[in-house]
Amino acid sequence: MSVNILIADEHTLIRRGIFSIINTLSASAINGETLNVIGDTDSPAGLVNLLSHNTVNILFSVLP
């Protein structure tokens, strides 16, 4: 099964760090699950756009 993840934070460093952690976890294939980062954004408008076009299982968001 694939788990779709969306990252939303105004800081590029945070988004890239979370992306890196997810890629590391995905390489270890936890319980046969595939972790798939479908995108990242730094704005609420971008978040709404990505959510309207994708099915998301996990949302990492620190947007105001």
PDB file of N, CA and C in Angstrom:
ATOM      1  N   MET A   1       0.839  -1.178   0.000  1.00  0.00           N
ATOM      2  CA  MET A   1       0.000   0.000   0.000  1.00  0.00           C
ATOM      3  C   MET A   1       0.886   1.244   0.000  1.00  0.00           C
ATOM      4  N   SER A   2       0.425   2.275  -0.649  1.00  0.00           N
ATOM      5  CA  SER A   2       1.161   3.525  -0.726  1.00  0.00           C
ATOM      6  C   SER A   2       0.532   4.566   0.199  1.00  0.00           C
ATOM      7  N   VAL A   3       1.362   5.252   0.954  1.00  0.00           N
ATOM      8  CA  VAL A   3       0.905   6.321   1.837  1.00  0.00           C
ATOM      9  C   VAL A   3       1.334   7.645   1.216  1.00  0.00           C
ATOM     10  N   ASN A   4       0.362   8.471   0.858  1.00  0.00           N
ATOM     11  CA  ASN A   4       0.636   9.763   0.234  1.00  0.00           C
ATOM     12  C   ASN A   4       0.797  10.839   1.297  1.00  0.00           C
ATOM     13  N   ILE A   5       1.890  11.582   1.197  1.00  0.00           N
ATOM     14  CA  ILE A   5       2.236  12.593   2.195  1.00  0.00           C
ATOM     15  C   ILE A   5       2.380  13.945   1.515  1.00  0.00           C
ATOM     16  N   LEU A   6       1.841  14.982   2.163  1.00  0.00           N
ATOM     17  CA  LEU A   6       1.957  16.352   1.686  1.00  0.00           C
ATOM     18  C   LEU A   6       2.623  17.179   2.776  1.00  0.00           C
ATOM     19  N   ILE A   7       3.614  17.980   2.394  1.00  0.00           N
ATOM     20  CA  ILE A   7       4.366  18.803   3.342  1.00  0.00           C
ATOM     21  C   ILE A   7       4.046  20.275   3.082  1.00  0.00           C
ATOM     22  N   ALA A   8       3.599  20.989   4.125  1.00  0.00           N
ATOM     23  CA  ALA A   8       3.279  22.407   3.985  1.00  0.00           C
ATOM     24  C   ALA A   8       3.924  23.186   5.135  1.00  0.00           C
ATOM     25  N   ASP A   9       4.886  24.006   4.796  1.00  0.00           N
ATOM     26  CA  ASP A   9       5.563  24.851   5.781  1.00  0.00           C
ATOM     27  C   ASP A   9       6.169  26.029   5.037  1.00  0.00           C
ATOM     28  N   GLU A  10       6.168  27.191   5.670  1.00  0.00           N
ATOM     29  CA  GLU A  10       6.687  28.374   4.991  1.00  0.00           C
ATOM     30  C   GLU A  10       8.212  28.378   4.885  1.00  0.00           C
ATOM     31  N   HIS A  11       8.894  27.508   5.614  1.00  0.00           N
ATOM     32  CA  HIS A  11      10.353  27.468   5.613  1.00  0.00           C
ATOM     33  C   HIS A  11      10.866  26.315   4.750  1.00  0.00           C
ATOM     34  N   THR A  12      11.645  26.660   3.747  1.00  0.00           N
ATOM     35  CA  THR A  12      12.193  25.662   2.826  1.00  0.00           C
ATOM     36  C   THR A  12      13.038  24.630   3.561  1.00  0.00           C
ATOM     37  N   LEU A  13      13.833  25.062   4.522  1.00  0.00           N
ATOM     38  CA  LEU A  13      14.702  24.147   5.265  1.00  0.00           C
ATOM     39  C   LEU A  13      13.881  23.073   5.982  1.00  0.00           C
ATOM     40  N   ILE A  14      12.772  23.452   6.578  1.00  0.00           N
ATOM     41  CA  ILE A  14      11.900  22.489   7.262  1.00  0.00           C
ATOM     42  C   ILE A  14      11.310  21.500   6.263  1.00  0.00           C
ATOM     43  N   ARG A  15      10.802  22.016   5.140  1.00  0.00           N
ATOM     44  CA  ARG A  15      10.212  21.137   4.116  1.00  0.00           C
ATOM     45  C   ARG A  15      11.233  20.138   3.595  1.00  0.00           C
ATOM     46  N   ARG A  16      12.440  20.590   3.315  1.00  0.00           N
ATOM     47  CA  ARG A  16      13.479  19.697   2.793  1.00  0.00           C
ATOM     48  C   ARG A  16      13.915  18.684   3.847  1.00  0.00           C
ATOM     49  N   GLY A  17      13.964  19.090   5.102  1.00  0.00           N
ATOM     50  CA  GLY A  17      14.334  18.176   6.184  1.00  0.00           C
ATOM     51  C   GLY A  17      13.311  17.064   6.361  1.00  0.00           C
ATOM     52  N   ILE A  18      12.027  17.420   6.362  1.00  0.00           N
ATOM     53  CA  ILE A  18      10.973  16.411   6.480  1.00  0.00           C
ATOM     54  C   ILE A  18      11.010  15.481   5.277  1.00  0.00           C
ATOM     55  N   PHE A  19      11.212  16.046   4.076  1.00  0.00           N
ATOM     56  CA  PHE A  19      11.312  15.246   2.865  1.00  0.00           C
ATOM     57  C   PHE A  19      12.449  14.229   2.973  1.00  0.00           C
ATOM     58  N   SER A  20      13.589  14.663   3.480  1.00  0.00           N
ATOM     59  CA  SER A  20      14.744  13.781   3.642  1.00  0.00           C
ATOM     60  C   SER A  20      14.455  12.654   4.637  1.00  0.00           C
ATOM     61  N   ILE A  21      13.815  12.981   5.740  1.00  0.00           N
ATOM     62  CA  ILE A  21      13.467  11.969   6.747  1.00  0.00           C
ATOM     63  C   ILE A  21      12.517  10.937   6.146  1.00  0.00           C
ATOM     64  N   ILE A  22      11.525  11.406   5.400  1.00  0.00           N
ATOM     65  CA  ILE A  22      10.561  10.489   4.781  1.00  0.00           C
ATOM     66  C   ILE A  22      11.250   9.578   3.779  1.00  0.00           C
ATOM     67  N   ASN A  23      12.161  10.119   2.986  1.00  0.00           N
ATOM     68  CA  ASN A  23      12.893   9.282   2.030  1.00  0.00           C
ATOM     69  C   ASN A  23      13.721   8.227   2.735  1.00  0.00           C
ATOM     70  N   THR A  24      14.323   8.572   3.858  1.00  0.00           N
ATOM     71  CA  THR A  24      15.103   7.607   4.631  1.00  0.00           C
ATOM     72  C   THR A  24      14.199   6.504   5.178  1.00  0.00           C
ATOM     73  N   LEU A  25      13.032   6.888   5.705  1.00  0.00           N
ATOM     74  CA  LEU A  25      12.086   5.901   6.227  1.00  0.00           C
ATOM     75  C   LEU A  25      11.541   5.018   5.108  1.00  0.00           C
ATOM     76  N   SER A  26      11.289   5.610   3.962  1.00  0.00           N
ATOM     77  CA  SER A  26      10.748   4.868   2.827  1.00  0.00           C
ATOM     78  C   SER A  26      11.728   3.797   2.358  1.00  0.00           C
ATOM     79  N   ALA A  27      13.002   4.095   2.439  1.00  0.00           N
ATOM     80  CA  ALA A  27      14.026   3.131   2.023  1.00  0.00           C
ATOM     81  C   ALA A  27      14.014   1.892   2.909  1.00  0.00           C
ATOM     82  N   SER A  28      13.568   2.045   4.162  1.00  0.00           N
ATOM     83  CA  SER A  28      13.529   0.897   5.066  1.00  0.00           C
ATOM     84  C   SER A  28      12.240   0.088   4.916  1.00  0.00           C
ATOM     85  N   ALA A  29      11.272   0.564   4.121  1.00  0.00           N
ATOM     86  CA  ALA A  29      10.024  -0.156   3.815  1.00  0.00           C
ATOM     87  C   ALA A  29       9.324  -0.657   5.074  1.00  0.00           C
ATOM     88  N   ILE A  30       8.833   0.259   5.860  1.00  0.00           N
ATOM     89  CA  ILE A  30       8.144  -0.056   7.110  1.00  0.00           C
ATOM     90  C   ILE A  30       6.856  -0.830   6.825  1.00  0.00           C
ATOM     91  N   ASN A  31       6.770  -2.048   7.324  1.00  0.00           N
ATOM     92  CA  ASN A  31       5.584  -2.905   7.176  1.00  0.00           C
ATOM     93  C   ASN A  31       5.111  -3.020   5.733  1.00  0.00           C
ATOM     94  N   GLY A  32       5.988  -2.929   4.790  1.00  0.00           N
ATOM     95  CA  GLY A  32       5.617  -3.049   3.397  1.00  0.00           C
ATOM     96  C   GLY A  32       4.925  -1.826   2.826  1.00  0.00           C
ATOM     97  N   GLU A  33       4.835  -0.754   3.592  1.00  0.00           N
ATOM     98  CA  GLU A  33       4.199   0.480   3.139  1.00  0.00           C
ATOM     99  C   GLU A  33       5.186   1.301   2.314  1.00  0.00           C
ATOM    100  N   THR A  34       4.714   1.909   1.253  1.00  0.00           N
ATOM    101  CA  THR A  34       5.515   2.804   0.444  1.00  0.00           C
ATOM    102  C   THR A  34       5.149   4.230   0.802  1.00  0.00           C
ATOM    103  N   LEU A  35       6.126   5.024   1.235  1.00  0.00           N
ATOM    104  CA  LEU A  35       5.884   6.430   1.564  1.00  0.00           C
ATOM    105  C   LEU A  35       6.138   7.266   0.319  1.00  0.00           C
ATOM    106  N   ASN A  36       5.141   8.048  -0.069  1.00  0.00           N
ATOM    107  CA  ASN A  36       5.201   8.815  -1.299  1.00  0.00           C
ATOM    108  C   ASN A  36       4.902  10.282  -0.997  1.00  0.00           C
ATOM    109  N   VAL A  37       5.902  11.148  -1.118  1.00  0.00           N
ATOM    110  CA  VAL A  37       5.682  12.586  -0.937  1.00  0.00           C
ATOM    111  C   VAL A  37       5.109  13.118  -2.243  1.00  0.00           C
ATOM    112  N   ILE A  38       3.850  13.540  -2.203  1.00  0.00           N
ATOM    113  CA  ILE A  38       3.205  14.000  -3.434  1.00  0.00           C
ATOM    114  C   ILE A  38       3.479  15.465  -3.721  1.00  0.00           C
ATOM    115  N   GLY A  39       3.990  16.183  -2.732  1.00  0.00           N
ATOM    116  CA  GLY A  39       4.334  17.576  -2.979  1.00  0.00           C
ATOM    117  C   GLY A  39       4.645  18.321  -1.705  1.00  0.00           C
ATOM    118  N   ASP A  40       5.118  19.562  -1.890  1.00  0.00           N
ATOM    119  CA  ASP A  40       5.342  20.454  -0.758  1.00  0.00           C
ATOM    120  C   ASP A  40       5.001  21.869  -1.201  1.00  0.00           C
ATOM    121  N   THR A  41       4.618  22.685  -0.239  1.00  0.00           N
ATOM    122  CA  THR A  41       4.225  24.057  -0.542  1.00  0.00           C
ATOM    123  C   THR A  41       4.552  24.977   0.620  1.00  0.00           C
ATOM    124  N   ASP A  42       4.640  26.265   0.305  1.00  0.00           N
ATOM    125  CA  ASP A  42       4.934  27.258   1.342  1.00  0.00           C
ATOM    126  C   ASP A  42       3.787  28.242   1.549  1.00  0.00           C
ATOM    127  N   SER A  43       2.617  27.969   0.936  1.00  0.00           N
ATOM    128  CA  SER A  43       1.504  28.911   1.069  1.00  0.00           C
ATOM    129  C   SER A  43       0.179  28.179   1.260  1.00  0.00           C
ATOM    130  N   PRO A  44      -0.778  28.831   1.920  1.00  0.00           N
ATOM    131  CA  PRO A  44      -2.100  28.219   2.069  1.00  0.00           C
ATOM    132  C   PRO A  44      -2.774  27.955   0.718  1.00  0.00           C
ATOM    133  N   ALA A  45      -2.592  28.865  -0.237  1.00  0.00           N
ATOM    134  CA  ALA A  45      -3.190  28.667  -1.561  1.00  0.00           C
ATOM    135  C   ALA A  45      -2.607  27.433  -2.251  1.00  0.00           C
ATOM    136  N   GLY A  46      -1.303  27.238  -2.116  1.00  0.00           N
ATOM    137  CA  GLY A  46      -0.658  26.056  -2.678  1.00  0.00           C
ATOM    138  C   GLY A  46      -1.139  24.777  -2.015  1.00  0.00           C
ATOM    139  N   LEU A  47      -1.369  24.865  -0.702  1.00  0.00           N
ATOM    140  CA  LEU A  47      -1.874  23.715   0.044  1.00  0.00           C
ATOM    141  C   LEU A  47      -3.259  23.318  -0.462  1.00  0.00           C
ATOM    142  N   VAL A  48      -4.137  24.285  -0.604  1.00  0.00           N
ATOM    143  CA  VAL A  48      -5.489  24.015  -1.100  1.00  0.00           C
ATOM    144  C   VAL A  48      -5.438  23.427  -2.508  1.00  0.00           C
ATOM    145  N   ASN A  49      -4.574  23.963  -3.338  1.00  0.00           N
ATOM    146  CA  ASN A  49      -4.435  23.457  -4.696  1.00  0.00           C
ATOM    147  C   ASN A  49      -3.978  21.999  -4.711  1.00  0.00           C
ATOM    148  N   LEU A  50      -2.957  21.676  -3.933  1.00  0.00           N
ATOM    149  CA  LEU A  50      -2.459  20.304  -3.884  1.00  0.00           C
ATOM    150  C   LEU A  50      -3.503  19.348  -3.301  1.00  0.00           C
ATOM    151  N   LEU A  51      -4.218  19.793  -2.273  1.00  0.00           N
ATOM    152  CA  LEU A  51      -5.241  18.937  -1.666  1.00  0.00           C
ATOM    153  C   LEU A  51      -6.413  18.685  -2.610  1.00  0.00           C
ATOM    154  N   SER A  52      -6.712  19.660  -3.469  1.00  0.00           N
ATOM    155  CA  SER A  52      -7.843  19.493  -4.381  1.00  0.00           C
ATOM    156  C   SER A  52      -7.531  18.548  -5.536  1.00  0.00           C
ATOM    157  N   HIS A  53      -6.258  18.309  -5.795  1.00  0.00           N
ATOM    158  CA  HIS A  53      -5.872  17.458  -6.920  1.00  0.00           C
ATOM    159  C   HIS A  53      -5.268  16.110  -6.523  1.00  0.00           C
ATOM    160  N   ASN A  54      -5.095  15.870  -5.230  1.00  0.00           N
ATOM    161  CA  ASN A  54      -4.430  14.647  -4.779  1.00  0.00           C
ATOM    162  C   ASN A  54      -5.137  14.049  -3.570  1.00  0.00           C
ATOM    163  N   THR A  55      -5.026  12.743  -3.438  1.00  0.00           N
ATOM    164  CA  THR A  55      -5.486  12.058  -2.236  1.00  0.00           C
ATOM    165  C   THR A  55      -4.316  12.019  -1.260  1.00  0.00           C
ATOM    166  N   VAL A  56      -4.523  12.577  -0.073  1.00  0.00           N
ATOM    167  CA  VAL A  56      -3.451  12.697   0.921  1.00  0.00           C
ATOM    168  C   VAL A  56      -3.816  11.880   2.156  1.00  0.00           C
ATOM    169  N   ASN A  57      -2.882  11.048   2.607  1.00  0.00           N
ATOM    170  CA  ASN A  57      -3.078  10.268   3.825  1.00  0.00           C
ATOM    171  C   ASN A  57      -2.492  10.961   5.046  1.00  0.00           C
ATOM    172  N   ILE A  58      -1.371  11.645   4.860  1.00  0.00           N
ATOM    173  CA  ILE A  58      -0.710  12.351   5.962  1.00  0.00           C
ATOM    174  C   ILE A  58      -0.368  13.759   5.506  1.00  0.00           C
ATOM    175  N   LEU A  59      -0.719  14.738   6.330  1.00  0.00           N
ATOM    176  CA  LEU A  59      -0.417  16.137   6.034  1.00  0.00           C
ATOM    177  C   LEU A  59       0.468  16.693   7.138  1.00  0.00           C
ATOM    178  N   PHE A  60       1.677  17.132   6.765  1.00  0.00           N
ATOM    179  CA  PHE A  60       2.558  17.850   7.681  1.00  0.00           C
ATOM    180  C   PHE A  60       2.375  19.330   7.368  1.00  0.00           C
ATOM    181  N   SER A  61       1.775  20.076   8.296  1.00  0.00           N
ATOM    182  CA  SER A  61       1.509  21.482   8.024  1.00  0.00           C
ATOM    183  C   SER A  61       1.764  22.342   9.252  1.00  0.00           C
ATOM    184  N   VAL A  62       2.488  23.444   9.041  1.00  0.00           N
ATOM    185  CA  VAL A  62       2.712  24.418  10.094  1.00  0.00           C
ATOM    186  C   VAL A  62       2.371  25.811   9.529  1.00  0.00           C
ATOM    187  N   LEU A  63       1.523  25.849   8.524  1.00  0.00           N
ATOM    188  CA  LEU A  63       1.148  27.125   7.923  1.00  0.00           C
ATOM    189  C   LEU A  63       0.193  27.872   8.839  1.00  0.00           C
ATOM    190  N   PRO A  64       0.297  29.203   8.834  1.00  0.00           N
ATOM    191  CA  PRO A  64      -0.612  30.000   9.679  1.00  0.00           C
ATOM    192  C   PRO A  64      -2.040  29.958   9.181  1.00  0.00           C
TER     193      PRO A  64
END
